């Protein structure tokens, strides 16, 4: 992982993020931790879909399944 990516993830620890997965699912939750392989832990996570959302709780997502991580908009 690049220094810039690590710095950005560190800046967003404890904040809500959106994570897009290879399966095209989108998960939103509070970024609790990550490692050099981009494995991440999200708390209070839920799956975001057009017409519904599904509460997941605390989840671990393997880095190889992540396409994009973005700070979640507030509100």
PDB file of N, CA and C in Angstrom:
ATOM      1  N   UNK A   1       0.852  -1.166   0.000  1.00  0.00           N
ATOM      2  CA  UNK A   1       0.000   0.000   0.000  1.00  0.00           C
ATOM      3  C   UNK A   1       0.898   1.229   0.000  1.00  0.00           C
ATOM      4  N   UNK A   2       0.531   2.229  -0.788  1.00  0.00           N
ATOM      5  CA  UNK A   2       1.339   3.438  -0.878  1.00  0.00           C
ATOM      6  C   UNK A   2       1.228   4.264   0.399  1.00  0.00           C
ATOM      7  N   UNK A   3       2.214   5.129   0.613  1.00  0.00           N
ATOM      8  CA  UNK A   3       2.190   6.017   1.775  1.00  0.00           C
ATOM      9  C   UNK A   3       0.978   6.939   1.736  1.00  0.00           C
ATOM     10  N   UNK A   4       0.604   7.410   0.537  1.00  0.00           N
ATOM     11  CA  UNK A   4      -0.543   8.309   0.410  1.00  0.00           C
ATOM     12  C   UNK A   4      -1.837   7.594   0.799  1.00  0.00           C
ATOM     13  N   UNK A   5      -1.996   6.356   0.353  1.00  0.00           N
ATOM     14  CA  UNK A   5      -3.200   5.590   0.698  1.00  0.00           C
ATOM     15  C   UNK A   5      -3.255   5.338   2.200  1.00  0.00           C
ATOM     16  N   UNK A   6      -2.130   4.982   2.777  1.00  0.00           N
ATOM     17  CA  UNK A   6      -2.091   4.736   4.220  1.00  0.00           C
ATOM     18  C   UNK A   6      -2.409   6.009   4.999  1.00  0.00           C
ATOM     19  N   UNK A   7      -1.880   7.134   4.559  1.00  0.00           N
ATOM     20  CA  UNK A   7      -2.148   8.411   5.224  1.00  0.00           C
ATOM     21  C   UNK A   7      -3.641   8.756   5.167  1.00  0.00           C
ATOM     22  N   UNK A   8      -4.263   8.578   3.984  1.00  0.00           N
ATOM     23  CA  UNK A   8      -5.685   8.879   3.838  1.00  0.00           C
ATOM     24  C   UNK A   8      -6.551   7.969   4.705  1.00  0.00           C
ATOM     25  N   UNK A   9      -6.201   6.688   4.771  1.00  0.00           N
ATOM     26  CA  UNK A   9      -6.961   5.786   5.632  1.00  0.00           C
ATOM     27  C   UNK A   9      -6.791   6.160   7.103  1.00  0.00           C
ATOM     28  N   UNK A  10      -5.571   6.506   7.499  1.00  0.00           N
ATOM     29  CA  UNK A  10      -5.356   6.947   8.883  1.00  0.00           C
ATOM     30  C   UNK A  10      -6.188   8.168   9.218  1.00  0.00           C
ATOM     31  N   UNK A  11      -6.300   9.104   8.279  1.00  0.00           N
ATOM     32  CA  UNK A  11      -7.093  10.319   8.497  1.00  0.00           C
ATOM     33  C   UNK A  11      -8.578  10.009   8.663  1.00  0.00           C
ATOM     34  N   UNK A  12      -9.023   8.874   8.123  1.00  0.00           N
ATOM     35  CA  UNK A  12     -10.435   8.525   8.182  1.00  0.00           C
ATOM     36  C   UNK A  12     -10.774   7.454   9.221  1.00  0.00           C
ATOM     37  N   UNK A  13      -9.807   7.052  10.039  1.00  0.00           N
ATOM     38  CA  UNK A  13     -10.106   6.116  11.124  1.00  0.00           C
ATOM     39  C   UNK A  13     -11.156   6.731  12.038  1.00  0.00           C
ATOM     40  N   UNK A  14     -12.167   5.952  12.374  1.00  0.00           N
ATOM     41  CA  UNK A  14     -13.242   6.445  13.229  1.00  0.00           C
ATOM     42  C   UNK A  14     -14.326   7.197  12.480  1.00  0.00           C
ATOM     43  N   UNK A  15     -14.149   7.367  11.178  1.00  0.00           N
ATOM     44  CA  UNK A  15     -15.121   8.088  10.352  1.00  0.00           C
ATOM     45  C   UNK A  15     -15.904   7.100   9.491  1.00  0.00           C
ATOM     46  N   UNK A  16     -17.065   7.548   9.008  1.00  0.00           N
ATOM     47  CA  UNK A  16     -17.854   6.713   8.099  1.00  0.00           C
ATOM     48  C   UNK A  16     -17.226   6.715   6.714  1.00  0.00           C
ATOM     49  N   UNK A  17     -17.170   5.529   6.119  1.00  0.00           N
ATOM     50  CA  UNK A  17     -16.644   5.369   4.767  1.00  0.00           C
ATOM     51  C   UNK A  17     -17.595   4.499   3.949  1.00  0.00           C
ATOM     52  N   UNK A  18     -17.539   4.672   2.643  1.00  0.00           N
ATOM     53  CA  UNK A  18     -18.244   3.812   1.706  1.00  0.00           C
ATOM     54  C   UNK A  18     -17.212   2.899   1.069  1.00  0.00           C
ATOM     55  N   UNK A  19     -17.520   1.611   0.990  1.00  0.00           N
ATOM     56  CA  UNK A  19     -16.607   0.639   0.418  1.00  0.00           C
ATOM     57  C   UNK A  19     -17.328  -0.076  -0.722  1.00  0.00           C
ATOM     58  N   UNK A  20     -16.792   0.045  -1.941  1.00  0.00           N
ATOM     59  CA  UNK A  20     -17.357  -0.674  -3.078  1.00  0.00           C
ATOM     60  C   UNK A  20     -16.572  -1.959  -3.245  1.00  0.00           C
ATOM     61  N   UNK A  21     -17.292  -3.071  -3.384  1.00  0.00           N
ATOM     62  CA  UNK A  21     -16.674  -4.385  -3.482  1.00  0.00           C
ATOM     63  C   UNK A  21     -16.666  -4.888  -4.922  1.00  0.00           C
ATOM     64  N   UNK A  22     -15.827  -5.870  -5.197  1.00  0.00           N
ATOM     65  CA  UNK A  22     -15.763  -6.471  -6.537  1.00  0.00           C
ATOM     66  C   UNK A  22     -17.113  -7.014  -6.979  1.00  0.00           C
ATOM     67  N   UNK A  23     -17.930  -7.416  -6.040  1.00  0.00           N
ATOM     68  CA  UNK A  23     -19.251  -7.968  -6.352  1.00  0.00           C
ATOM     69  C   UNK A  23     -20.272  -6.870  -6.656  1.00  0.00           C
ATOM     70  N   UNK A  24     -19.827  -5.606  -6.708  1.00  0.00           N
ATOM     71  CA  UNK A  24     -20.654  -4.419  -6.958  1.00  0.00           C
ATOM     72  C   UNK A  24     -21.500  -4.012  -5.761  1.00  0.00           C
ATOM     73  N   UNK A  25     -21.384  -4.706  -4.642  1.00  0.00           N
ATOM     74  CA  UNK A  25     -22.082  -4.285  -3.436  1.00  0.00           C
ATOM     75  C   UNK A  25     -21.368  -3.075  -2.855  1.00  0.00           C
ATOM     76  N   UNK A  26     -22.131  -2.263  -2.123  1.00  0.00           N
ATOM     77  CA  UNK A  26     -21.567  -1.107  -1.430  1.00  0.00           C
ATOM     78  C   UNK A  26     -21.891  -1.252   0.046  1.00  0.00           C
ATOM     79  N   UNK A  27     -20.867  -1.100   0.884  1.00  0.00           N
ATOM     80  CA  UNK A  27     -21.026  -1.213   2.331  1.00  0.00           C
ATOM     81  C   UNK A  27     -20.598   0.106   2.951  1.00  0.00           C
ATOM     82  N   UNK A  28     -21.394   0.579   3.907  1.00  0.00           N
ATOM     83  CA  UNK A  28     -21.068   1.815   4.615  1.00  0.00           C
ATOM     84  C   UNK A  28     -20.885   1.470   6.086  1.00  0.00           C
ATOM     85  N   UNK A  29     -19.869   2.061   6.708  1.00  0.00           N
ATOM     86  CA  UNK A  29     -19.638   1.825   8.126  1.00  0.00           C
ATOM     87  C   UNK A  29     -18.493   2.682   8.630  1.00  0.00           C
ATOM     88  N   UNK A  30     -18.256   2.614   9.933  1.00  0.00           N
ATOM     89  CA  UNK A  30     -17.188   3.389  10.565  1.00  0.00           C
ATOM     90  C   UNK A  30     -15.892   2.586  10.477  1.00  0.00           C
ATOM     91  N   UNK A  31     -14.882   3.186   9.870  1.00  0.00           N
ATOM     92  CA  UNK A  31     -13.584   2.530   9.688  1.00  0.00           C
ATOM     93  C   UNK A  31     -12.889   2.397  11.031  1.00  0.00           C
ATOM     94  N   UNK A  32     -12.734   1.144  11.491  1.00  0.00           N
ATOM     95  CA  UNK A  32     -12.130   0.893  12.790  1.00  0.00           C
ATOM     96  C   UNK A  32     -10.649   0.587  12.663  1.00  0.00           C
ATOM     97  N   UNK A  33     -10.262  -0.201  11.638  1.00  0.00           N
ATOM     98  CA  UNK A  33      -8.840  -0.519  11.453  1.00  0.00           C
ATOM     99  C   UNK A  33      -8.604  -1.044  10.046  1.00  0.00           C
ATOM    100  N   UNK A  34      -7.306  -1.110   9.683  1.00  0.00           N
ATOM    101  CA  UNK A  34      -6.893  -1.650   8.392  1.00  0.00           C
ATOM    102  C   UNK A  34      -5.461  -2.135   8.524  1.00  0.00           C
ATOM    103  N   UNK A  35      -5.017  -2.928   7.549  1.00  0.00           N
ATOM    104  CA  UNK A  35      -3.634  -3.388   7.558  1.00  0.00           C
ATOM    105  C   UNK A  35      -2.985  -3.151   6.194  1.00  0.00           C
ATOM    106  N   UNK A  36      -1.747  -3.631   6.031  1.00  0.00           N
ATOM    107  CA  UNK A  36      -0.986  -3.366   4.812  1.00  0.00           C
ATOM    108  C   UNK A  36      -1.577  -4.043   3.586  1.00  0.00           C
ATOM    109  N   UNK A  37      -2.470  -5.019   3.792  1.00  0.00           N
ATOM    110  CA  UNK A  37      -3.116  -5.715   2.673  1.00  0.00           C
ATOM    111  C   UNK A  37      -4.468  -5.093   2.336  1.00  0.00           C
ATOM    112  N   UNK A  38      -4.812  -4.010   3.014  1.00  0.00           N
ATOM    113  CA  UNK A  38      -6.081  -3.304   2.868  1.00  0.00           C
ATOM    114  C   UNK A  38      -7.262  -4.114   3.396  1.00  0.00           C
ATOM    115  N   UNK A  39      -6.991  -5.116   4.239  1.00  0.00           N
ATOM    116  CA  UNK A  39      -8.080  -5.745   4.983  1.00  0.00           C
ATOM    117  C   UNK A  39      -8.588  -4.678   5.940  1.00  0.00           C
ATOM    118  N   UNK A  40      -9.912  -4.530   6.030  1.00  0.00           N
ATOM    119  CA  UNK A  40     -10.449  -3.478   6.881  1.00  0.00           C
ATOM    120  C   UNK A  40     -11.502  -4.031   7.830  1.00  0.00           C
ATOM    121  N   UNK A  41     -11.693  -3.329   8.942  1.00  0.00           N
ATOM    122  CA  UNK A  41     -12.760  -3.631   9.888  1.00  0.00           C
ATOM    123  C   UNK A  41     -13.680  -2.419   9.921  1.00  0.00           C
ATOM    124  N   UNK A  42     -14.979  -2.666   9.704  1.00  0.00           N
ATOM    125  CA  UNK A  42     -15.993  -1.621   9.788  1.00  0.00           C
ATOM    126  C   UNK A  42     -16.932  -1.947  10.937  1.00  0.00           C
ATOM    127  N   UNK A  43     -17.297  -0.929  11.701  1.00  0.00           N
ATOM    128  CA  UNK A  43     -18.298  -1.074  12.759  1.00  0.00           C
ATOM    129  C   UNK A  43     -19.589  -0.404  12.311  1.00  0.00           C
ATOM    130  N   UNK A  44     -20.702  -0.843  12.871  1.00  0.00           N
ATOM    131  CA  UNK A  44     -22.022  -0.304  12.522  1.00  0.00           C
ATOM    132  C   UNK A  44     -22.220  -0.283  11.012  1.00  0.00           C
ATOM    133  N   UNK A  45     -21.789  -1.341  10.355  1.00  0.00           N
ATOM    134  CA  UNK A  45     -21.831  -1.410   8.895  1.00  0.00           C
ATOM    135  C   UNK A  45     -23.206  -1.852   8.408  1.00  0.00           C
ATOM    136  N   UNK A  46     -23.520  -1.400   7.215  1.00  0.00           N
ATOM    137  CA  UNK A  46     -24.713  -1.895   6.539  1.00  0.00           C
ATOM    138  C   UNK A  46     -24.501  -1.858   5.045  1.00  0.00           C
ATOM    139  N   UNK A  47     -25.177  -2.785   4.364  1.00  0.00           N
ATOM    140  CA  UNK A  47     -25.109  -2.866   2.915  1.00  0.00           C
ATOM    141  C   UNK A  47     -26.064  -1.826   2.340  1.00  0.00           C
ATOM    142  N   UNK A  48     -25.592  -1.072   1.373  1.00  0.00           N
ATOM    143  CA  UNK A  48     -26.398  -0.033   0.749  1.00  0.00           C
ATOM    144  C   UNK A  48     -26.870  -0.533  -0.605  1.00  0.00           C
ATOM    145  N   UNK A  49     -28.184  -0.485  -0.834  1.00  0.00           N
ATOM    146  CA  UNK A  49     -28.757  -0.864  -2.118  1.00  0.00           C
ATOM    147  C   UNK A  49     -29.785   0.190  -2.503  1.00  0.00           C
ATOM    148  N   UNK A  50     -30.248   0.164  -3.742  1.00  0.00           N
ATOM    149  CA  UNK A  50     -31.173   1.183  -4.225  1.00  0.00           C
ATOM    150  C   UNK A  50     -32.426   1.307  -3.374  1.00  0.00           C
ATOM    151  N   UNK A  51     -33.085   0.198  -3.109  1.00  0.00           N
ATOM    152  CA  UNK A  51     -34.382   0.250  -2.440  1.00  0.00           C
ATOM    153  C   UNK A  51     -34.370  -0.258  -1.008  1.00  0.00           C
ATOM    154  N   UNK A  52     -33.186  -0.611  -0.504  1.00  0.00           N
ATOM    155  CA  UNK A  52     -33.141  -1.178   0.836  1.00  0.00           C
ATOM    156  C   UNK A  52     -31.732  -1.043   1.405  1.00  0.00           C
ATOM    157  N   UNK A  53     -31.642  -1.282   2.699  1.00  0.00           N
ATOM    158  CA  UNK A  53     -30.331  -1.417   3.322  1.00  0.00           C
ATOM    159  C   UNK A  53     -30.428  -2.569   4.318  1.00  0.00           C
ATOM    160  N   UNK A  54     -29.313  -3.229   4.541  1.00  0.00           N
ATOM    161  CA  UNK A  54     -29.293  -4.388   5.427  1.00  0.00           C
ATOM    162  C   UNK A  54     -28.200  -4.185   6.461  1.00  0.00           C
ATOM    163  N   UNK A  55     -28.579  -4.205   7.732  1.00  0.00           N
ATOM    164  CA  UNK A  55     -27.619  -4.005   8.810  1.00  0.00           C
ATOM    165  C   UNK A  55     -26.704  -5.215   8.923  1.00  0.00           C
ATOM    166  N   UNK A  56     -25.385  -4.949   9.013  1.00  0.00           N
ATOM    167  CA  UNK A  56     -24.393  -6.014   9.105  1.00  0.00           C
ATOM    168  C   UNK A  56     -23.675  -6.032  10.446  1.00  0.00           C
ATOM    169  N   UNK A  57     -23.598  -4.902  11.126  1.00  0.00           N
ATOM    170  CA  UNK A  57     -22.870  -4.827  12.395  1.00  0.00           C
ATOM    171  C   UNK A  57     -21.379  -4.621  12.149  1.00  0.00           C
ATOM    172  N   UNK A  58     -20.538  -5.366  12.859  1.00  0.00           N
ATOM    173  CA  UNK A  58     -19.089  -5.289  12.684  1.00  0.00           C
ATOM    174  C   UNK A  58     -18.667  -6.324  11.646  1.00  0.00           C
ATOM    175  N   UNK A  59     -17.918  -5.875  10.640  1.00  0.00           N
ATOM    176  CA  UNK A  59     -17.500  -6.773   9.569  1.00  0.00           C
ATOM    177  C   UNK A  59     -16.011  -6.612   9.281  1.00  0.00           C
ATOM    178  N   UNK A  60     -15.410  -7.678   8.797  1.00  0.00           N
ATOM    179  CA  UNK A  60     -14.040  -7.665   8.282  1.00  0.00           C
ATOM    180  C   UNK A  60     -14.149  -7.886   6.782  1.00  0.00           C
ATOM    181  N   UNK A  61     -13.535  -7.012   6.000  1.00  0.00           N
ATOM    182  CA  UNK A  61     -13.558  -7.144   4.545  1.00  0.00           C
ATOM    183  C   UNK A  61     -12.128  -7.352   4.072  1.00  0.00           C
ATOM    184  N   UNK A  62     -11.917  -8.429   3.323  1.00  0.00           N
ATOM    185  CA  UNK A  62     -10.582  -8.715   2.787  1.00  0.00           C
ATOM    186  C   UNK A  62     -10.223  -7.689   1.727  1.00  0.00           C
ATOM    187  N   UNK A  63      -8.995  -7.230   1.760  1.00  0.00           N
ATOM    188  CA  UNK A  63      -8.523  -6.219   0.830  1.00  0.00           C
ATOM    189  C   UNK A  63      -8.663  -6.599  -0.632  1.00  0.00           C
ATOM    190  N   UNK A  64      -8.534  -7.886  -0.945  1.00  0.00           N
ATOM    191  CA  UNK A  64      -8.626  -8.305  -2.344  1.00  0.00           C
ATOM    192  C   UNK A  64     -10.023  -8.118  -2.919  1.00  0.00           C
ATOM    193  N   UNK A  65     -11.032  -7.916  -2.069  1.00  0.00           N
ATOM    194  CA  UNK A  65     -12.407  -7.717  -2.533  1.00  0.00           C
ATOM    195  C   UNK A  65     -12.790  -6.251  -2.664  1.00  0.00           C
ATOM    196  N   UNK A  66     -11.900  -5.346  -2.264  1.00  0.00           N
ATOM    197  CA  UNK A  66     -12.212  -3.920  -2.258  1.00  0.00           C
ATOM    198  C   UNK A  66     -11.792  -3.282  -3.576  1.00  0.00           C
ATOM    199  N   UNK A  67     -12.727  -2.550  -4.174  1.00  0.00           N
ATOM    200  CA  UNK A  67     -12.448  -1.799  -5.404  1.00  0.00           C
ATOM    201  C   UNK A  67     -12.153  -0.349  -5.061  1.00  0.00           C
ATOM    202  N   UNK A  68     -12.924   0.217  -4.083  1.00  0.00           N
ATOM    203  CA  UNK A  68     -12.794   1.632  -3.766  1.00  0.00           C
ATOM    204  C   UNK A  68     -13.233   1.884  -2.336  1.00  0.00           C
ATOM    205  N   UNK A  69     -12.560   2.820  -1.671  1.00  0.00           N
ATOM    206  CA  UNK A  69     -12.972   3.305  -0.359  1.00  0.00           C
ATOM    207  C   UNK A  69     -13.071   4.810  -0.463  1.00  0.00           C
ATOM    208  N   UNK A  70     -14.184   5.360   0.041  1.00  0.00           N
ATOM    209  CA  UNK A  70     -14.394   6.800  -0.043  1.00  0.00           C
ATOM    210  C   UNK A  70     -14.986   7.291   1.278  1.00  0.00           C
ATOM    211  N   UNK A  71     -14.602   8.498   1.723  1.00  0.00           N
ATOM    212  CA  UNK A  71     -15.289   9.060   2.883  1.00  0.00           C
ATOM    213  C   UNK A  71     -16.775   9.193   2.572  1.00  0.00           C
ATOM    214  N   UNK A  72     -17.626   8.836   3.539  1.00  0.00           N
ATOM    215  CA  UNK A  72     -19.077   8.923   3.322  1.00  0.00           C
ATOM    216  C   UNK A  72     -19.520  10.360   3.557  1.00  0.00           C
ATOM    217  N   UNK A  73     -20.473  10.803   2.763  1.00  0.00           N
ATOM    218  CA  UNK A  73     -20.991  12.159   2.951  1.00  0.00           C
ATOM    219  C   UNK A  73     -21.787  12.217   4.236  1.00  0.00           C
ATOM    220  N   UNK A  74     -21.731  13.318   4.872  1.00  0.00           N
ATOM    221  CA  UNK A  74     -22.467  13.510   6.123  1.00  0.00           C
ATOM    222  C   UNK A  74     -23.893  13.917   5.786  1.00  0.00           C
ATOM    223  N   UNK A  75     -24.812  13.492   6.644  1.00  0.00           N
ATOM    224  CA  UNK A  75     -26.188  13.924   6.470  1.00  0.00           C
ATOM    225  C   UNK A  75     -26.996  12.840   6.035  1.00  0.00           C
TER     226      UNK A  75
END
